[in-house]
Amino acid sequence: MPTLYVWSADDSAFGPAAAQETERWVNGPYRLETLQGVSHWIPEEATETLSRLLLGHLRTHEKH
């Protein structure tokens, strides 16, 4: 399953180890995107960036 993990360097709930180690548990393509200057609340604080990343991920792994 293709996985996109969007994490913020300023996330107070999930540290860098969680973001970096998740790849070990994923079968399939894995991509980690780290955002700067955003807290745990990525959808609220970086709406446009998150939308762009999600749409790109979906396009990349689209099945016809």
Protein backbone atom coordinates (compact mmCIF):
# COMPACT_ATOMS: atom_id res chain seq x y z
CA MET A 1 0.00 0.00 0.00
CA PRO A 2 1.55 3.34 -1.01
CA THR A 3 1.93 5.52 2.07
CA LEU A 4 2.48 9.25 2.46
CA TYR A 5 3.42 10.38 5.96
CA VAL A 6 3.17 14.15 6.42
CA TRP A 7 4.85 15.20 9.65
CA SER A 8 5.76 18.54 11.16
CA ALA A 9 9.09 19.22 12.78
CA ASP A 10 7.20 21.20 15.45
CA ASP A 11 4.74 18.38 16.26
CA SER A 12 4.46 18.04 20.05
CA ALA A 13 2.52 14.74 19.85
CA PHE A 14 4.71 12.71 17.46
CA GLY A 15 8.47 13.03 17.48
CA PRO A 16 10.91 12.41 14.64
CA ALA A 17 11.39 8.75 15.59
CA ALA A 18 7.71 8.00 14.90
CA ALA A 19 7.91 9.63 11.49
CA GLN A 20 11.20 8.02 10.54
CA GLU A 21 10.47 4.51 11.86
CA THR A 22 7.01 4.17 10.29
CA GLU A 23 8.62 3.11 7.01
CA ARG A 24 9.67 -0.17 8.65
CA TRP A 25 6.00 -1.13 9.00
CA VAL A 26 4.87 -0.24 5.48
CA ASN A 27 4.69 -2.69 2.60
CA GLY A 28 4.97 -0.68 -0.58
CA PRO A 29 6.19 2.75 -1.59
CA TYR A 30 6.75 5.09 1.36
CA ARG A 31 7.30 8.82 1.34
CA LEU A 32 7.94 11.04 4.34
CA GLU A 33 7.32 14.75 3.96
CA THR A 34 8.47 16.99 6.80
CA LEU A 35 6.92 20.42 7.17
CA GLN A 36 8.67 23.26 8.98
CA GLY A 37 6.92 25.87 11.11
CA VAL A 38 3.72 23.85 11.55
CA SER A 39 2.44 22.24 14.74
CA HIS A 40 0.61 18.92 15.14
CA TRP A 41 -2.46 20.43 13.46
CA ILE A 42 -1.24 20.18 9.87
CA PRO A 43 -4.68 20.20 8.16
CA GLU A 44 -5.60 23.45 9.88
CA GLU A 45 -2.23 25.19 9.62
CA ALA A 46 -0.94 24.04 6.24
CA THR A 47 -4.10 23.29 4.28
CA GLU A 48 -2.74 24.15 0.83
CA THR A 49 0.55 22.31 1.30
CA LEU A 50 -1.19 19.22 2.63
CA SER A 51 -3.72 19.25 -0.21
CA ARG A 52 -0.94 19.55 -2.80
CA LEU A 53 0.97 16.64 -1.24
CA LEU A 54 -2.11 14.43 -1.00
CA LEU A 55 -3.24 15.12 -4.56
CA GLY A 56 0.26 14.43 -5.87
CA HIS A 57 0.42 11.18 -3.92
CA LEU A 58 -2.97 10.08 -5.23
CA ARG A 59 -2.02 10.94 -8.81
CA THR A 60 1.26 9.06 -8.52
CA HIS A 61 -0.42 5.89 -7.27
CA GLU A 62 -3.65 6.13 -9.27
CA LYS A 63 -4.90 2.87 -10.75
CA HIS A 64 -6.70 3.05 -14.07
